[in-house]
């Protein structure tokens, strides 16, 4: 997910949930049903600006977009 042209990155699953939950509960339909985990070097290779652990403040005026990535580059899920 892109926010004002920056790829959102989270240092933990709980940070991702804390960001996404207010959006979903507020009725936003952003097309995200799963969050994949990628190594930092993989994300860096995409040459896209990032925003680490962003705050949900200001989301009502932000431009939200999507970035198509190779899902096969994701880390396997934690068991």
N, C-alpha and C. Protein backbone atom coordinates (compact mmCIF):
# COMPACT_ATOMS: atom_id res chain seq x y z
N UNK A 1 0.85 -1.17 0.00
CA UNK A 1 0.00 0.00 0.00
C UNK A 1 0.89 1.23 0.00
N UNK A 2 0.54 2.19 -0.83
CA UNK A 2 1.27 3.44 -0.91
C UNK A 2 0.44 4.55 -0.26
N UNK A 3 1.11 5.38 0.47
CA UNK A 3 0.47 6.53 1.10
C UNK A 3 1.25 7.76 0.69
N UNK A 4 0.61 8.64 -0.09
CA UNK A 4 1.29 9.81 -0.65
C UNK A 4 2.59 9.42 -1.35
N UNK A 5 2.54 8.32 -2.11
CA UNK A 5 3.69 7.88 -2.90
C UNK A 5 4.75 7.11 -2.14
N UNK A 6 4.53 6.84 -0.87
CA UNK A 6 5.50 6.10 -0.07
C UNK A 6 4.93 4.73 0.28
N UNK A 7 5.77 3.72 0.15
CA UNK A 7 5.39 2.36 0.50
C UNK A 7 5.38 2.22 2.01
N UNK A 8 4.26 1.75 2.55
CA UNK A 8 4.16 1.59 4.00
C UNK A 8 4.93 0.35 4.43
N UNK A 9 5.78 0.51 5.43
CA UNK A 9 6.52 -0.61 6.00
C UNK A 9 6.30 -0.60 7.51
N UNK A 10 6.27 -1.78 8.08
CA UNK A 10 6.00 -1.91 9.51
C UNK A 10 7.05 -2.81 10.13
N UNK A 11 7.50 -2.45 11.33
CA UNK A 11 8.53 -3.22 12.01
C UNK A 11 7.97 -4.45 12.71
N UNK A 12 6.64 -4.52 12.81
CA UNK A 12 6.02 -5.69 13.45
C UNK A 12 4.59 -5.83 12.95
N UNK A 13 4.05 -7.02 13.11
CA UNK A 13 2.66 -7.25 12.73
C UNK A 13 1.72 -6.40 13.57
N UNK A 14 2.04 -6.24 14.84
CA UNK A 14 1.16 -5.43 15.70
C UNK A 14 1.12 -3.97 15.24
N UNK A 15 2.23 -3.44 14.73
CA UNK A 15 2.22 -2.07 14.20
C UNK A 15 1.37 -1.98 12.93
N UNK A 16 1.43 -3.01 12.10
CA UNK A 16 0.61 -3.02 10.88
C UNK A 16 -0.87 -3.07 11.24
N UNK A 17 -1.22 -3.91 12.21
CA UNK A 17 -2.61 -4.02 12.64
C UNK A 17 -3.08 -2.70 13.25
N UNK A 18 -2.24 -2.08 14.07
CA UNK A 18 -2.61 -0.80 14.70
C UNK A 18 -2.88 0.27 13.65
N UNK A 19 -2.18 0.22 12.54
CA UNK A 19 -2.39 1.18 11.46
C UNK A 19 -3.65 0.85 10.66
N UNK A 20 -3.82 -0.42 10.29
CA UNK A 20 -4.91 -0.82 9.40
C UNK A 20 -6.26 -0.91 10.09
N UNK A 21 -6.29 -1.29 11.36
CA UNK A 21 -7.55 -1.53 12.04
C UNK A 21 -8.50 -0.33 12.02
N UNK A 22 -8.03 0.89 12.33
CA UNK A 22 -8.96 2.03 12.27
C UNK A 22 -9.52 2.27 10.87
N UNK A 23 -8.72 1.98 9.84
CA UNK A 23 -9.21 2.14 8.47
C UNK A 23 -10.36 1.17 8.19
N UNK A 24 -10.14 -0.08 8.53
CA UNK A 24 -11.15 -1.10 8.26
C UNK A 24 -12.40 -0.87 9.09
N UNK A 25 -12.22 -0.60 10.38
CA UNK A 25 -13.38 -0.36 11.25
C UNK A 25 -14.13 0.90 10.85
N UNK A 26 -13.42 1.84 10.23
CA UNK A 26 -14.05 3.07 9.77
C UNK A 26 -14.76 2.93 8.44
N UNK A 27 -14.71 1.73 7.87
CA UNK A 27 -15.42 1.47 6.62
C UNK A 27 -14.61 1.64 5.36
N UNK A 28 -13.31 1.85 5.48
CA UNK A 28 -12.48 1.99 4.28
C UNK A 28 -12.38 0.65 3.57
N UNK A 29 -12.52 0.67 2.29
CA UNK A 29 -12.37 -0.53 1.47
C UNK A 29 -11.14 -0.32 0.61
N UNK A 30 -10.00 -0.75 1.11
CA UNK A 30 -8.74 -0.46 0.42
C UNK A 30 -8.18 -1.64 -0.34
N UNK A 31 -8.87 -2.78 -0.32
CA UNK A 31 -8.44 -3.92 -1.11
C UNK A 31 -7.29 -4.71 -0.52
N UNK A 32 -7.05 -4.58 0.76
CA UNK A 32 -5.98 -5.34 1.40
C UNK A 32 -6.61 -6.37 2.32
N UNK A 33 -6.29 -7.64 2.07
CA UNK A 33 -6.82 -8.69 2.94
C UNK A 33 -5.72 -9.44 3.68
N UNK A 34 -4.49 -9.29 3.20
CA UNK A 34 -3.35 -9.95 3.85
C UNK A 34 -2.16 -9.01 3.79
N UNK A 35 -1.27 -9.17 4.75
CA UNK A 35 -0.03 -8.40 4.77
C UNK A 35 1.12 -9.39 4.70
N UNK A 36 1.97 -9.26 3.70
CA UNK A 36 3.11 -10.16 3.54
C UNK A 36 4.34 -9.57 4.23
N UNK A 37 5.26 -10.45 4.54
CA UNK A 37 6.51 -10.02 5.18
C UNK A 37 7.64 -10.16 4.16
N UNK A 38 8.39 -9.07 3.94
CA UNK A 38 9.51 -9.07 3.01
C UNK A 38 10.77 -8.65 3.76
N UNK A 39 11.90 -9.22 3.36
CA UNK A 39 13.19 -8.80 3.94
C UNK A 39 13.47 -7.36 3.50
N UNK A 40 14.19 -6.63 4.34
CA UNK A 40 14.48 -5.22 4.06
C UNK A 40 15.24 -5.06 2.75
N UNK A 41 16.15 -5.97 2.43
CA UNK A 41 16.92 -5.84 1.19
C UNK A 41 16.02 -6.04 -0.04
N UNK A 42 14.99 -6.85 0.08
CA UNK A 42 14.04 -7.04 -1.03
C UNK A 42 13.27 -5.74 -1.25
N UNK A 43 12.77 -5.15 -0.17
CA UNK A 43 12.03 -3.89 -0.27
C UNK A 43 12.92 -2.79 -0.85
N UNK A 44 14.17 -2.73 -0.41
CA UNK A 44 15.10 -1.71 -0.91
C UNK A 44 15.33 -1.85 -2.41
N UNK A 45 15.28 -3.08 -2.92
CA UNK A 45 15.52 -3.30 -4.35
C UNK A 45 14.38 -2.76 -5.23
N UNK A 46 13.24 -2.44 -4.64
CA UNK A 46 12.12 -1.92 -5.41
C UNK A 46 12.29 -0.44 -5.74
N UNK A 47 13.25 0.23 -5.12
CA UNK A 47 13.52 1.65 -5.39
C UNK A 47 12.27 2.52 -5.27
N UNK A 48 11.52 2.31 -4.19
CA UNK A 48 10.32 3.09 -3.90
C UNK A 48 10.52 3.74 -2.53
N UNK A 49 10.22 5.03 -2.37
CA UNK A 49 10.33 5.64 -1.05
C UNK A 49 9.44 4.91 -0.05
N UNK A 50 9.89 4.81 1.19
CA UNK A 50 9.12 4.10 2.21
C UNK A 50 8.76 5.02 3.37
N UNK A 51 7.74 4.60 4.10
CA UNK A 51 7.35 5.25 5.35
C UNK A 51 7.26 4.15 6.39
N UNK A 52 8.19 4.16 7.34
CA UNK A 52 8.25 3.11 8.36
C UNK A 52 7.32 3.43 9.52
N UNK A 53 6.51 2.45 9.91
CA UNK A 53 5.59 2.57 11.04
C UNK A 53 4.84 3.90 11.02
N UNK A 54 4.10 4.19 9.93
CA UNK A 54 3.41 5.48 9.84
C UNK A 54 2.27 5.60 10.84
N UNK A 55 1.92 6.82 11.12
CA UNK A 55 0.78 7.12 11.98
C UNK A 55 -0.47 7.23 11.11
N UNK A 56 -1.62 6.79 11.61
CA UNK A 56 -2.84 6.96 10.82
C UNK A 56 -3.33 8.41 10.73
N UNK A 57 -2.70 9.32 11.44
CA UNK A 57 -3.10 10.73 11.39
C UNK A 57 -2.94 11.26 9.97
N UNK A 58 -3.94 11.98 9.51
CA UNK A 58 -3.88 12.59 8.20
C UNK A 58 -4.31 11.69 7.06
N UNK A 59 -4.78 10.49 7.38
CA UNK A 59 -5.18 9.57 6.32
C UNK A 59 -6.35 10.09 5.49
N UNK A 60 -7.18 10.90 6.09
CA UNK A 60 -8.36 11.39 5.37
C UNK A 60 -8.00 12.29 4.20
N UNK A 61 -6.79 12.84 4.18
CA UNK A 61 -6.38 13.70 3.07
C UNK A 61 -5.26 13.08 2.24
N UNK A 62 -4.80 11.88 2.60
CA UNK A 62 -3.68 11.25 1.91
C UNK A 62 -4.14 10.56 0.63
N UNK A 63 -3.23 10.51 -0.33
CA UNK A 63 -3.48 9.76 -1.56
C UNK A 63 -3.05 8.32 -1.30
N UNK A 64 -4.00 7.39 -1.43
CA UNK A 64 -3.73 5.98 -1.18
C UNK A 64 -3.63 5.26 -2.51
N UNK A 65 -2.59 4.45 -2.66
CA UNK A 65 -2.40 3.68 -3.88
C UNK A 65 -1.87 2.30 -3.56
N UNK A 66 -1.67 1.53 -4.60
CA UNK A 66 -1.16 0.17 -4.44
C UNK A 66 0.08 -0.01 -5.29
N UNK A 67 0.92 -0.92 -4.87
CA UNK A 67 2.14 -1.26 -5.60
C UNK A 67 2.10 -2.76 -5.84
N UNK A 68 2.14 -3.17 -7.10
CA UNK A 68 2.16 -4.60 -7.41
C UNK A 68 3.58 -5.12 -7.18
N UNK A 69 3.69 -6.16 -6.38
CA UNK A 69 4.99 -6.75 -6.07
C UNK A 69 4.94 -8.24 -6.37
N UNK A 70 6.12 -8.83 -6.47
CA UNK A 70 6.24 -10.27 -6.69
C UNK A 70 6.00 -10.98 -5.36
N UNK A 71 4.83 -11.56 -5.19
CA UNK A 71 4.50 -12.20 -3.92
C UNK A 71 5.39 -13.39 -3.61
N UNK A 72 6.05 -13.95 -4.63
CA UNK A 72 6.93 -15.09 -4.37
C UNK A 72 8.21 -14.67 -3.65
N UNK A 73 8.48 -13.37 -3.59
CA UNK A 73 9.66 -12.87 -2.86
C UNK A 73 9.38 -12.69 -1.37
N UNK A 74 8.14 -12.92 -0.95
CA UNK A 74 7.77 -12.76 0.46
C UNK A 74 8.38 -13.88 1.30
N UNK A 75 8.58 -13.58 2.56
CA UNK A 75 9.05 -14.57 3.51
C UNK A 75 7.93 -15.57 3.79
N UNK A 76 8.28 -16.80 4.13
CA UNK A 76 7.21 -17.74 4.50
C UNK A 76 6.51 -17.28 5.77
N UNK A 77 5.24 -17.62 5.92
CA UNK A 77 4.52 -17.19 7.13
C UNK A 77 5.11 -17.80 8.39
N UNK A 78 5.00 -17.06 9.49
CA UNK A 78 5.41 -17.60 10.79
C UNK A 78 4.41 -18.68 11.18
N UNK A 79 4.94 -19.71 11.79
CA UNK A 79 4.06 -20.82 12.19
C UNK A 79 3.84 -20.79 13.67
